[in-house]
Amino acid sequence: DVTRVRAFHNSVIARTESVMEVLTLWGRVNSKTPAGAGEMLKGEKRA
């Protein structure tokens, strides 16, 4: 349930440029900018 997660509100998604940026706002990735191909996420997995 992500009802209260602002990152998944359509009005917020519209301001982002990628799926990775949405997930960054959600706080599930270690990132300050939208992920590139080599950017590391939590658990040492690449985007």
ModelCIF file with pLDDT and N, C-alpha, C, O atoms, coordinates in Angstrom:
data_MODEL
#
_entry.id   MODEL 
#
_entity.id                         1 
_entity.type                       polymer 
_entity.pdbx_number_of_molecules   1 
#
_entity_poly.entity_id                      1 
_entity_poly.type                           'polypeptide(L)' 
_entity_poly.nstd_linkage                   no 
_entity_poly.nstd_monomer                   no 
_entity_poly.pdbx_seq_one_letter_code       DVTRVRAFHNSVIARTESVMEVLTLWGRVNSKTPAGAGEMLKGEKRA 
_entity_poly.pdbx_seq_one_letter_code_can   DVTRVRAFHNSVIARTESVMEVLTLWGRVNSKTPAGAGEMLKGEKRA 
_entity_poly.pdbx_strand_id                 A 
#
loop_
_entity_poly_seq.entity_id 
_entity_poly_seq.num 
_entity_poly_seq.mon_id 
_entity_poly_seq.hetero 
1 1  ASP n 
1 2  VAL n 
1 3  THR n 
1 4  ARG n 
1 5  VAL n 
1 6  ARG n 
1 7  ALA n 
1 8  PHE n 
1 9  HIS n 
1 10 ASN n 
1 11 SER n 
1 12 VAL n 
1 13 ILE n 
1 14 ALA n 
1 15 ARG n 
1 16 THR n 
1 17 GLU n 
1 18 SER n 
1 19 VAL n 
1 20 MET n 
1 21 GLU n 
1 22 VAL n 
1 23 LEU n 
1 24 THR n 
1 25 LEU n 
1 26 TRP n 
1 27 GLY n 
1 28 ARG n 
1 29 VAL n 
1 30 ASN n 
1 31 SER n 
1 32 LYS n 
1 33 THR n 
1 34 PRO n 
1 35 ALA n 
1 36 GLY n 
1 37 ALA n 
1 38 GLY n 
1 39 GLU n 
1 40 MET n 
1 41 LEU n 
1 42 LYS n 
1 43 GLY n 
1 44 GLU n 
1 45 LYS n 
1 46 ARG n 
1 47 ALA n 
#
_struct_asym.id          A 
_struct_asym.entity_id   1 
#
loop_
_ma_qa_metric.id 
_ma_qa_metric.mode 
_ma_qa_metric.name 
_ma_qa_metric.software_group_id 
_ma_qa_metric.type 
1 global pLDDT . pLDDT 
2 local  pLDDT . pLDDT 
#
_ma_qa_metric_global.metric_id      1 
_ma_qa_metric_global.metric_value   70.09 
_ma_qa_metric_global.model_id       1 
_ma_qa_metric_global.ordinal_id     1 
#
loop_
_ma_qa_metric_local.label_asym_id 
_ma_qa_metric_local.label_comp_id 
_ma_qa_metric_local.label_seq_id 
_ma_qa_metric_local.metric_id 
_ma_qa_metric_local.metric_value 
_ma_qa_metric_local.model_id 
_ma_qa_metric_local.ordinal_id 
A ASP 1  2 92.00 1 1  
A VAL 2  2 90.00 1 2  
A THR 3  2 92.00 1 3  
A ARG 4  2 89.00 1 4  
A VAL 5  2 89.00 1 5  
A ARG 6  2 89.00 1 6  
A ALA 7  2 89.00 1 7  
A PHE 8  2 92.00 1 8  
A HIS 9  2 94.00 1 9  
A ASN 10 2 96.00 1 10 
A SER 11 2 94.00 1 11 
A VAL 12 2 92.00 1 12 
A ILE 13 2 95.00 1 13 
A ALA 14 2 95.00 1 14 
A ARG 15 2 93.00 1 15 
A THR 16 2 92.00 1 16 
A GLU 17 2 90.00 1 17 
A SER 18 2 88.00 1 18 
A VAL 19 2 86.00 1 19 
A MET 20 2 83.00 1 20 
A GLU 21 2 86.00 1 21 
A VAL 22 2 87.00 1 22 
A LEU 23 2 83.00 1 23 
A THR 24 2 80.00 1 24 
A LEU 25 2 82.00 1 25 
A TRP 26 2 83.00 1 26 
A GLY 27 2 74.00 1 27 
A ARG 28 2 62.00 1 28 
A VAL 29 2 54.00 1 29 
A ASN 30 2 46.00 1 30 
A SER 31 2 46.00 1 31 
A LYS 32 2 46.00 1 32 
A THR 33 2 43.00 1 33 
A PRO 34 2 40.00 1 34 
A ALA 35 2 39.00 1 35 
A GLY 36 2 41.00 1 36 
A ALA 37 2 38.00 1 37 
A GLY 38 2 41.00 1 38 
A GLU 39 2 43.00 1 39 
A MET 40 2 44.00 1 40 
A LEU 41 2 44.00 1 41 
A LYS 42 2 44.00 1 42 
A GLY 43 2 45.00 1 43 
A GLU 44 2 44.00 1 44 
A LYS 45 2 46.00 1 45 
A ARG 46 2 48.00 1 46 
A ALA 47 2 45.00 1 47 
#
loop_
_atom_site.group_PDB 
_atom_site.id 
_atom_site.type_symbol 
_atom_site.label_atom_id 
_atom_site.label_alt_id 
_atom_site.label_comp_id 
_atom_site.label_asym_id 
_atom_site.label_entity_id 
_atom_site.label_seq_id 
_atom_site.pdbx_PDB_ins_code 
_atom_site.Cartn_x 
_atom_site.Cartn_y 
_atom_site.Cartn_z 
_atom_site.occupancy 
_atom_site.B_iso_or_equiv 
_atom_site.pdbx_formal_charge 
_atom_site.auth_seq_id 
_atom_site.auth_comp_id 
_atom_site.auth_asym_id 
_atom_site.auth_atom_id 
_atom_site.pdbx_PDB_model_num 
ATOM 1   N N  . ASP A 1 1  ? 0.846  -1.187 0.000   1.00 92.00 ? 1  ASP A N  1 
ATOM 2   C CA . ASP A 1 1  ? 0.000  0.000  0.000   1.00 92.00 ? 1  ASP A CA 1 
ATOM 3   C C  . ASP A 1 1  ? 0.884  1.242  0.000   1.00 92.00 ? 1  ASP A C  1 
ATOM 4   O O  . ASP A 1 1  ? 1.665  1.454  0.928   1.00 92.00 ? 1  ASP A O  1 
ATOM 5   N N  . VAL A 1 2  ? 0.759  2.068  -1.053  1.00 90.00 ? 2  VAL A N  1 
ATOM 6   C CA . VAL A 1 2  ? 1.579  3.283  -1.155  1.00 90.00 ? 2  VAL A CA 1 
ATOM 7   C C  . VAL A 1 2  ? 0.685  4.524  -1.245  1.00 90.00 ? 2  VAL A C  1 
ATOM 8   O O  . VAL A 1 2  ? 1.074  5.541  -1.818  1.00 90.00 ? 2  VAL A O  1 
ATOM 9   N N  . THR A 1 3  ? -0.507 4.426  -0.676  1.00 92.00 ? 3  THR A N  1 
ATOM 10  C CA . THR A 1 3  ? -1.465 5.524  -0.737  1.00 92.00 ? 3  THR A CA 1 
ATOM 11  C C  . THR A 1 3  ? -0.864 6.824  -0.224  1.00 92.00 ? 3  THR A C  1 
ATOM 12  O O  . THR A 1 3  ? -1.088 7.884  -0.809  1.00 92.00 ? 3  THR A O  1 
ATOM 13  N N  . ARG A 1 4  ? -0.109 6.755  0.856   1.00 89.00 ? 4  ARG A N  1 
ATOM 14  C CA . ARG A 1 4  ? 0.420  7.968  1.490   1.00 89.00 ? 4  ARG A CA 1 
ATOM 15  C C  . ARG A 1 4  ? 1.845  8.291  1.055   1.00 89.00 ? 4  ARG A C  1 
ATOM 16  O O  . ARG A 1 4  ? 2.472  9.191  1.614   1.00 89.00 ? 4  ARG A O  1 
ATOM 17  N N  . VAL A 1 5  ? 2.359  7.574  0.075   1.00 89.00 ? 5  VAL A N  1 
ATOM 18  C CA . VAL A 1 5  ? 3.713  7.826  -0.416  1.00 89.00 ? 5  VAL A CA 1 
ATOM 19  C C  . VAL A 1 5  ? 3.641  8.871  -1.530  1.00 89.00 ? 5  VAL A C  1 
ATOM 20  O O  . VAL A 1 5  ? 3.161  8.578  -2.626  1.00 89.00 ? 5  VAL A O  1 
ATOM 21  N N  . ARG A 1 6  ? 4.111  10.072 -1.257  1.00 89.00 ? 6  ARG A N  1 
ATOM 22  C CA . ARG A 1 6  ? 3.983  11.167 -2.224  1.00 89.00 ? 6  ARG A CA 1 
ATOM 23  C C  . ARG A 1 6  ? 4.694  10.863 -3.541  1.00 89.00 ? 6  ARG A C  1 
ATOM 24  O O  . ARG A 1 6  ? 4.279  11.347 -4.595  1.00 89.00 ? 6  ARG A O  1 
ATOM 25  N N  . ALA A 1 7  ? 5.748  10.075 -3.489  1.00 89.00 ? 7  ALA A N  1 
ATOM 26  C CA . ALA A 1 7  ? 6.493  9.757  -4.712  1.00 89.00 ? 7  ALA A CA 1 
ATOM 27  C C  . ALA A 1 7  ? 5.619  9.084  -5.760  1.00 89.00 ? 7  ALA A C  1 
ATOM 28  O O  . ALA A 1 7  ? 5.914  9.163  -6.952  1.00 89.00 ? 7  ALA A O  1 
ATOM 29  N N  . PHE A 1 8  ? 4.541  8.418  -5.330  1.00 92.00 ? 8  PHE A N  1 
ATOM 30  C CA . PHE A 1 8  ? 3.672  7.718  -6.264  1.00 92.00 ? 8  PHE A CA 1 
ATOM 31  C C  . PHE A 1 8  ? 2.393  8.488  -6.582  1.00 92.00 ? 8  PHE A C  1 
ATOM 32  O O  . PHE A 1 8  ? 1.495  7.953  -7.232  1.00 92.00 ? 8  PHE A O  1 
ATOM 33  N N  . HIS A 1 9  ? 2.303  9.739  -6.129  1.00 94.00 ? 9  HIS A N  1 
ATOM 34  C CA . HIS A 1 9  ? 1.187  10.590 -6.544  1.00 94.00 ? 9  HIS A CA 1 
ATOM 35  C C  . HIS A 1 9  ? 1.434  11.036 -7.979  1.00 94.00 ? 9  HIS A C  1 
ATOM 36  O O  . HIS A 1 9  ? 2.557  11.408 -8.321  1.00 94.00 ? 9  HIS A O  1 
ATOM 37  N N  . ASN A 1 10 ? 0.427  11.006 -8.806  1.00 96.00 ? 10 ASN A N  1 
ATOM 38  C CA . ASN A 1 10 ? 0.605  11.363 -10.212 1.00 96.00 ? 10 ASN A CA 1 
ATOM 39  C C  . ASN A 1 10 ? 1.160  12.770 -10.393 1.00 96.00 ? 10 ASN A C  1 
ATOM 40  O O  . ASN A 1 10 ? 1.956  13.016 -11.299 1.00 96.00 ? 10 ASN A O  1 
ATOM 41  N N  . SER A 1 11 ? 0.740  13.690 -9.532  1.00 94.00 ? 11 SER A N  1 
ATOM 42  C CA . SER A 1 11 ? 1.230  15.065 -9.640  1.00 94.00 ? 11 SER A CA 1 
ATOM 43  C C  . SER A 1 11 ? 2.719  15.162 -9.351  1.00 94.00 ? 11 SER A C  1 
ATOM 44  O O  . SER A 1 11 ? 3.385  16.078 -9.833  1.00 94.00 ? 11 SER A O  1 
ATOM 45  N N  . VAL A 1 12 ? 3.248  14.228 -8.569  1.00 92.00 ? 12 VAL A N  1 
ATOM 46  C CA . VAL A 1 12 ? 4.681  14.184 -8.289  1.00 92.00 ? 12 VAL A CA 1 
ATOM 47  C C  . VAL A 1 12 ? 5.413  13.438 -9.395  1.00 92.00 ? 12 VAL A C  1 
ATOM 48  O O  . VAL A 1 12 ? 6.482  13.868 -9.829  1.00 92.00 ? 12 VAL A O  1 
ATOM 49  N N  . ILE A 1 13 ? 4.853  12.331 -9.853  1.00 95.00 ? 13 ILE A N  1 
ATOM 50  C CA . ILE A 1 13 ? 5.458  11.570 -10.951 1.00 95.00 ? 13 ILE A CA 1 
ATOM 51  C C  . ILE A 1 13 ? 5.649  12.460 -12.170 1.00 95.00 ? 13 ILE A C  1 
ATOM 52  O O  . ILE A 1 13 ? 6.642  12.327 -12.886 1.00 95.00 ? 13 ILE A O  1 
ATOM 53  N N  . ALA A 1 14 ? 4.706  13.369 -12.413 1.00 95.00 ? 14 ALA A N  1 
ATOM 54  C CA . ALA A 1 14 ? 4.783  14.253 -13.579 1.00 95.00 ? 14 ALA A CA 1 
ATOM 55  C C  . ALA A 1 14 ? 6.017  15.151 -13.534 1.00 95.00 ? 14 ALA A C  1 
ATOM 56  O O  . ALA A 1 14 ? 6.475  15.628 -14.573 1.00 95.00 ? 14 ALA A O  1 
ATOM 57  N N  . ARG A 1 15 ? 6.550  15.383 -12.347 1.00 93.00 ? 15 ARG A N  1 
ATOM 58  C CA . ARG A 1 15 ? 7.721  16.255 -12.212 1.00 93.00 ? 15 ARG A CA 1 
ATOM 59  C C  . ARG A 1 15 ? 9.041  15.494 -12.354 1.00 93.00 ? 15 ARG A C  1 
ATOM 60  O O  . ARG A 1 15 ? 10.112 16.100 -12.323 1.00 93.00 ? 15 ARG A O  1 
ATOM 61  N N  . THR A 1 16 ? 8.969  14.184 -12.508 1.00 92.00 ? 16 THR A N  1 
ATOM 62  C CA . THR A 1 16 ? 10.178 13.374 -12.604 1.00 92.00 ? 16 THR A CA 1 
ATOM 63  C C  . THR A 1 16 ? 10.438 12.972 -14.042 1.00 92.00 ? 16 THR A C  1 
ATOM 64  O O  . THR A 1 16 ? 9.555  13.067 -14.894 1.00 92.00 ? 16 THR A O  1 
ATOM 65  N N  . GLU A 1 17 ? 11.662 12.520 -14.307 1.00 90.00 ? 17 GLU A N  1 
ATOM 66  C CA . GLU A 1 17 ? 12.074 12.192 -15.668 1.00 90.00 ? 17 GLU A CA 1 
ATOM 67  C C  . GLU A 1 17 ? 12.341 10.705 -15.881 1.00 90.00 ? 17 GLU A C  1 
ATOM 68  O O  . GLU A 1 17 ? 12.715 10.302 -16.982 1.00 90.00 ? 17 GLU A O  1 
ATOM 69  N N  . SER A 1 18 ? 12.157 9.879  -14.844 1.00 88.00 ? 18 SER A N  1 
ATOM 70  C CA . SER A 1 18 ? 12.436 8.455  -15.006 1.00 88.00 ? 18 SER A CA 1 
ATOM 71  C C  . SER A 1 18 ? 11.833 7.677  -13.850 1.00 88.00 ? 18 SER A C  1 
ATOM 72  O O  . SER A 1 18 ? 11.480 8.242  -12.814 1.00 88.00 ? 18 SER A O  1 
ATOM 73  N N  . VAL A 1 19 ? 11.722 6.362  -14.049 1.00 86.00 ? 19 VAL A N  1 
ATOM 74  C CA . VAL A 1 19 ? 11.287 5.478  -12.973 1.00 86.00 ? 19 VAL A CA 1 
ATOM 75  C C  . VAL A 1 19 ? 12.262 5.557  -11.807 1.00 86.00 ? 19 VAL A C  1 
ATOM 76  O O  . VAL A 1 19 ? 11.854 5.544  -10.646 1.00 86.00 ? 19 VAL A O  1 
ATOM 77  N N  . MET A 1 20 ? 13.547 5.639  -12.121 1.00 83.00 ? 20 MET A N  1 
ATOM 78  C CA . MET A 1 20 ? 14.549 5.680  -11.058 1.00 83.00 ? 20 MET A CA 1 
ATOM 79  C C  . MET A 1 20 ? 14.413 6.933  -10.206 1.00 83.00 ? 20 MET A C  1 
ATOM 80  O O  . MET A 1 20 ? 14.663 6.891  -9.001  1.00 83.00 ? 20 MET A O  1 
ATOM 81  N N  . GLU A 1 21 ? 14.024 8.034  -10.808 1.00 86.00 ? 21 GLU A N  1 
ATOM 82  C CA . GLU A 1 21 ? 13.848 9.261  -10.036 1.00 86.00 ? 21 GLU A CA 1 
ATOM 83  C C  . GLU A 1 21 ? 12.660 9.128  -9.085  1.00 86.00 ? 21 GLU A C  1 
ATOM 84  O O  . GLU A 1 21 ? 12.699 9.630  -7.961  1.00 86.00 ? 21 GLU A O  1 
ATOM 85  N N  . VAL A 1 22 ? 11.603 8.452  -9.538  1.00 87.00 ? 22 VAL A N  1 
ATOM 86  C CA . VAL A 1 22 ? 10.458 8.194  -8.662  1.00 87.00 ? 22 VAL A CA 1 
ATOM 87  C C  . VAL A 1 22 ? 10.897 7.369  -7.460  1.00 87.00 ? 22 VAL A C  1 
ATOM 88  O O  . VAL A 1 22 ? 10.530 7.673  -6.325  1.00 87.00 ? 22 VAL A O  1 
ATOM 89  N N  . LEU A 1 23 ? 11.679 6.328  -7.707  1.00 83.00 ? 23 LEU A N  1 
ATOM 90  C CA . LEU A 1 23 ? 12.126 5.459  -6.624  1.00 83.00 ? 23 LEU A CA 1 
ATOM 91  C C  . LEU A 1 23 ? 13.099 6.175  -5.697  1.00 83.00 ? 23 LEU A C  1 
ATOM 92  O O  . LEU A 1 23 ? 13.141 5.886  -4.501  1.00 83.00 ? 23 LEU A O  1 
ATOM 93  N N  . THR A 1 24 ? 13.882 7.106  -6.239  1.00 80.00 ? 24 THR A N  1 
ATOM 94  C CA . THR A 1 24 ? 14.768 7.902  -5.407  1.00 80.00 ? 24 THR A CA 1 
ATOM 95  C C  . THR A 1 24 ? 13.946 8.736  -4.430  1.00 80.00 ? 24 THR A C  1 
ATOM 96  O O  . THR A 1 24 ? 14.284 8.824  -3.249  1.00 80.00 ? 24 THR A O  1 
ATOM 97  N N  . LEU A 1 25 ? 12.874 9.343  -4.916  1.00 82.00 ? 25 LEU A N  1 
ATOM 98  C CA . LEU A 1 25 ? 11.995 10.119 -4.038  1.00 82.00 ? 25 LEU A CA 1 
ATOM 99  C C  . LEU A 1 25 ? 11.352 9.229  -2.987  1.00 82.00 ? 25 LEU A C  1 
ATOM 100 O O  . LEU A 1 25 ? 11.113 9.663  -1.860  1.00 82.00 ? 25 LEU A O  1 
ATOM 101 N N  . TRP A 1 26 ? 11.075 7.993  -3.352  1.00 83.00 ? 26 TRP A N  1 
ATOM 102 C CA . TRP A 1 26 ? 10.477 7.029  -2.425  1.00 83.00 ? 26 TRP A CA 1 
ATOM 103 C C  . TRP A 1 26 ? 11.458 6.662  -1.312  1.00 83.00 ? 26 TRP A C  1 
ATOM 104 O O  . TRP A 1 26 ? 11.049 6.216  -0.241  1.00 83.00 ? 26 TRP A O  1 
ATOM 105 N N  . GLY A 1 27 ? 12.742 6.851  -1.569  1.00 74.00 ? 27 GLY A N  1 
ATOM 106 C CA . GLY A 1 27 ? 13.740 6.536  -0.564  1.00 74.00 ? 27 GLY A CA 1 
ATOM 107 C C  . GLY A 1 27 ? 14.215 5.106  -0.583  1.00 74.00 ? 27 GLY A C  1 
ATOM 108 O O  . GLY A 1 27 ? 14.843 4.650  0.372   1.00 74.00 ? 27 GLY A O  1 
ATOM 109 N N  . ARG A 1 28 ? 13.920 4.369  -1.683  1.00 62.00 ? 28 ARG A N  1 
ATOM 110 C CA . ARG A 1 28 ? 14.344 2.984  -1.768  1.00 62.00 ? 28 ARG A CA 1 
ATOM 111 C C  . ARG A 1 28 ? 15.677 2.822  -2.499  1.00 62.00 ? 28 ARG A C  1 
ATOM 112 O O  . ARG A 1 28 ? 16.156 1.701  -2.670  1.00 62.00 ? 28 ARG A O  1 
ATOM 113 N N  . VAL A 1 29 ? 16.274 3.925  -2.928  1.00 54.00 ? 29 VAL A N  1 
ATOM 114 C CA . VAL A 1 29 ? 17.568 3.848  -3.588  1.00 54.00 ? 29 VAL A CA 1 
ATOM 115 C C  . VAL A 1 29 ? 18.503 4.873  -2.957  1.00 54.00 ? 29 VAL A C  1 
ATOM 116 O O  . VAL A 1 29 ? 18.051 5.893  -2.436  1.00 54.00 ? 29 VAL A O  1 
ATOM 117 N N  . ASN A 1 30 ? 19.809 4.603  -3.004  1.00 46.00 ? 30 ASN A N  1 
ATOM 118 C CA . ASN A 1 30 ? 20.809 5.538  -2.517  1.00 46.00 ? 30 ASN A CA 1 
ATOM 119 C C  . ASN A 1 30 ? 21.216 6.439  -3.667  1.00 46.00 ? 30 ASN A C  1 
ATOM 120 O O  . ASN A 1 30 ? 22.112 6.092  -4.436  1.00 46.00 ? 30 ASN A O  1 
ATOM 121 N N  . SER A 1 31 ? 20.579 7.576  -3.795  1.00 46.00 ? 31 SER A N  1 
ATOM 122 C CA . SER A 1 31 ? 20.860 8.425  -4.938  1.00 46.00 ? 31 SER A CA 1 
ATOM 123 C C  . SER A 1 31 ? 20.447 9.852  -4.662  1.00 46.00 ? 31 SER A C  1 
ATOM 124 O O  . SER A 1 31 ? 19.431 10.097 -4.013  1.00 46.00 ? 31 SER A O  1 
ATOM 125 N N  . LYS A 1 32 ? 21.242 10.804 -5.159  1.00 46.00 ? 32 LYS A N  1 
ATOM 126 C CA . LYS A 1 32 ? 20.876 12.211 -5.096  1.00 46.00 ? 32 LYS A CA 1 
ATOM 127 C C  . LYS A 1 32 ? 20.398 12.716 -6.453  1.00 46.00 ? 32 LYS A C  1 
ATOM 128 O O  . LYS A 1 32 ? 19.834 13.806 -6.546  1.00 46.00 ? 32 LYS A O  1 
ATOM 129 N N  . THR A 1 33 ? 20.620 11.935 -7.499  1.00 43.00 ? 33 THR A N  1 
ATOM 130 C CA . THR A 1 33 ? 20.205 12.284 -8.850  1.00 43.00 ? 33 THR A CA 1 
ATOM 131 C C  . THR A 1 33 ? 19.614 11.041 -9.505  1.00 43.00 ? 33 THR A C  1 
ATOM 132 O O  . THR A 1 33 ? 19.843 9.933  -9.021  1.00 43.00 ? 33 THR A O  1 
ATOM 133 N N  . PRO A 1 34 ? 18.852 11.196 -10.604 1.00 40.00 ? 34 PRO A N  1 
ATOM 134 C CA . PRO A 1 34 ? 18.348 10.003 -11.308 1.00 40.00 ? 34 PRO A CA 1 
ATOM 135 C C  . PRO A 1 34 ? 19.475 9.049  -11.662 1.00 40.00 ? 34 PRO A C  1 
ATOM 136 O O  . PRO A 1 34 ? 20.563 9.472  -12.051 1.00 40.00 ? 34 PRO A O  1 
ATOM 137 N N  . ALA A 1 35 ? 19.205 7.765  -11.525 1.00 39.00 ? 35 ALA A N  1 
ATOM 138 C CA . ALA A 1 35 ? 20.251 6.762  -11.658 1.00 39.00 ? 35 ALA A CA 1 
ATOM 139 C C  . ALA A 1 35 ? 20.721 6.590  -13.090 1.00 39.00 ? 35 ALA A C  1 
ATOM 140 O O  . ALA A 1 35 ? 19.924 6.614  -14.028 1.00 39.00 ? 35 ALA A O  1 
ATOM 141 N N  . GLY A 1 36 ? 22.004 6.419  -13.244 1.00 41.00 ? 36 GLY A N  1 
ATOM 142 C CA . GLY A 1 36 ? 22.585 6.026  -14.516 1.00 41.00 ? 36 GLY A CA 1 
ATOM 143 C C  . GLY A 1 36 ? 22.839 4.534  -14.505 1.00 41.00 ? 36 GLY A C  1 
ATOM 144 O O  . GLY A 1 36 ? 22.558 3.860  -13.513 1.00 41.00 ? 36 GLY A O  1 
ATOM 145 N N  . ALA A 1 37 ? 23.364 4.017  -15.593 1.00 38.00 ? 37 ALA A N  1 
ATOM 146 C CA . ALA A 1 37 ? 23.520 2.572  -15.736 1.00 38.00 ? 37 ALA A CA 1 
ATOM 147 C C  . ALA A 1 37 ? 24.415 1.973  -14.662 1.00 38.00 ? 37 ALA A C  1 
ATOM 148 O O  . ALA A 1 37 ? 24.221 0.823  -14.270 1.00 38.00 ? 37 ALA A O  1 
ATOM 149 N N  . GLY A 1 38 ? 25.399 2.740  -14.178 1.00 41.00 ? 38 GLY A N  1 
ATOM 150 C CA . GLY A 1 38 ? 26.328 2.177  -13.204 1.00 41.00 ? 38 GLY A CA 1 
ATOM 151 C C  . GLY A 1 38 ? 26.072 2.593  -11.779 1.00 41.00 ? 38 GLY A C  1 
ATOM 152 O O  . GLY A 1 38 ? 26.835 2.226  -10.885 1.00 41.00 ? 38 GLY A O  1 
ATOM 153 N N  . GLU A 1 39 ? 24.999 3.361  -11.537 1.00 43.00 ? 39 GLU A N  1 
ATOM 154 C CA . GLU A 1 39 ? 24.755 3.857  -10.185 1.00 43.00 ? 39 GLU A CA 1 
ATOM 155 C C  . GLU A 1 39 ? 24.345 2.722  -9.253  1.00 43.00 ? 39 GLU A C  1 
ATOM 156 O O  . GLU A 1 39 ? 23.546 1.862  -9.624  1.00 43.00 ? 39 GLU A O  1 
ATOM 157 N N  . MET A 1 40 ? 24.897 2.724  -8.041  1.00 44.00 ? 40 MET A N  1 
ATOM 158 C CA . MET A 1 40 ? 24.635 1.661  -7.090  1.00 44.00 ? 40 MET A CA 1 
ATOM 159 C C  . MET A 1 40 ? 23.399 1.956  -6.254  1.00 44.00 ? 40 MET A C  1 
ATOM 160 O O  . MET A 1 40 ? 23.199 3.088  -5.812  1.00 44.00 ? 40 MET A O  1 
ATOM 161 N N  . LEU A 1 41 ? 22.575 0.946  -6.038  1.00 44.00 ? 41 LEU A N  1 
ATOM 162 C CA . LEU A 1 41 ? 21.397 1.058  -5.208  1.00 44.00 ? 41 LEU A CA 1 
ATOM 163 C C  . LEU A 1 41 ? 21.652 0.319  -3.899  1.00 44.00 ? 41 LEU A C  1 
ATOM 164 O O  . LEU A 1 41 ? 22.680 -0.337 -3.730  1.00 44.00 ? 41 LEU A O  1 
ATOM 165 N N  . LYS A 1 42 ? 20.704 0.435  -2.980  1.00 44.00 ? 42 LYS A N  1 
ATOM 166 C CA . LYS A 1 42 ? 20.801 -0.309 -1.738  1.00 44.00 ? 42 LYS A CA 1 
ATOM 167 C C  . LYS A 1 42 ? 20.907 -1.803 -2.048  1.00 44.00 ? 42 LYS A C  1 
ATOM 168 O O  . LYS A 1 42 ? 20.188 -2.313 -2.907  1.00 44.00 ? 42 LYS A O  1 
ATOM 169 N N  . GLY A 1 43 ? 21.790 -2.489 -1.360  1.00 45.00 ? 43 GLY A N  1 
ATOM 170 C CA . GLY A 1 43 ? 21.998 -3.895 -1.626  1.00 45.00 ? 43 GLY A CA 1 
ATOM 171 C C  . GLY A 1 43 ? 23.017 -4.126 -2.723  1.00 45.00 ? 43 GLY A C  1 
ATOM 172 O O  . GLY A 1 43 ? 23.168 -5.249 -3.203  1.00 45.00 ? 43 GLY A O  1 
ATOM 173 N N  . GLU A 1 44 ? 23.729 -3.058 -3.133  1.00 44.00 ? 44 GLU A N  1 
ATOM 174 C CA . GLU A 1 44 ? 24.789 -3.145 -4.132  1.00 44.00 ? 44 GLU A CA 1 
ATOM 175 C C  . GLU A 1 44 ? 24.283 -3.698 -5.462  1.00 44.00 ? 44 GLU A C  1 
ATOM 176 O O  . GLU A 1 44 ? 24.953 -4.512 -6.097  1.00 44.00 ? 44 GLU A O  1 
ATOM 177 N N  . LYS A 1 45 ? 23.116 -3.260 -5.874  1.00 46.00 ? 45 LYS A N  1 
ATOM 178 C CA . LYS A 1 45 ? 22.579 -3.627 -7.187  1.00 46.00 ? 45 LYS A CA 1 
ATOM 179 C C  . LYS A 1 45 ? 22.611 -2.395 -8.073  1.00 46.00 ? 45 LYS A C  1 
ATOM 180 O O  . LYS A 1 45 ? 22.344 -1.286 -7.611  1.00 46.00 ? 45 LYS A O  1 
ATOM 181 N N  . ARG A 1 46 ? 22.939 -2.589 -9.355  1.00 48.00 ? 46 ARG A N  1 
ATOM 182 C CA . ARG A 1 46 ? 22.978 -1.479 -10.288 1.00 48.00 ? 46 ARG A CA 1 
ATOM 183 C C  . ARG A 1 46 ? 21.575 -1.159 -10.810 1.00 48.00 ? 46 ARG A C  1 
ATOM 184 O O  . ARG A 1 46 ? 20.724 -2.043 -10.905 1.00 48.00 ? 46 ARG A O  1 
ATOM 185 N N  . ALA A 1 47 ? 21.345 0.111  -11.147 1.00 45.00 ? 47 ALA A N  1 
ATOM 186 C CA . ALA A 1 47 ? 20.062 0.500  -11.721 1.00 45.00 ? 47 ALA A CA 1 
ATOM 187 C C  . ALA A 1 47 ? 19.774 -0.300 -12.983 1.00 45.00 ? 47 ALA A C  1 
ATOM 188 O O  . ALA A 1 47 ? 18.732 -0.110 -13.610 1.00 45.00 ? 47 ALA A O  1 
#
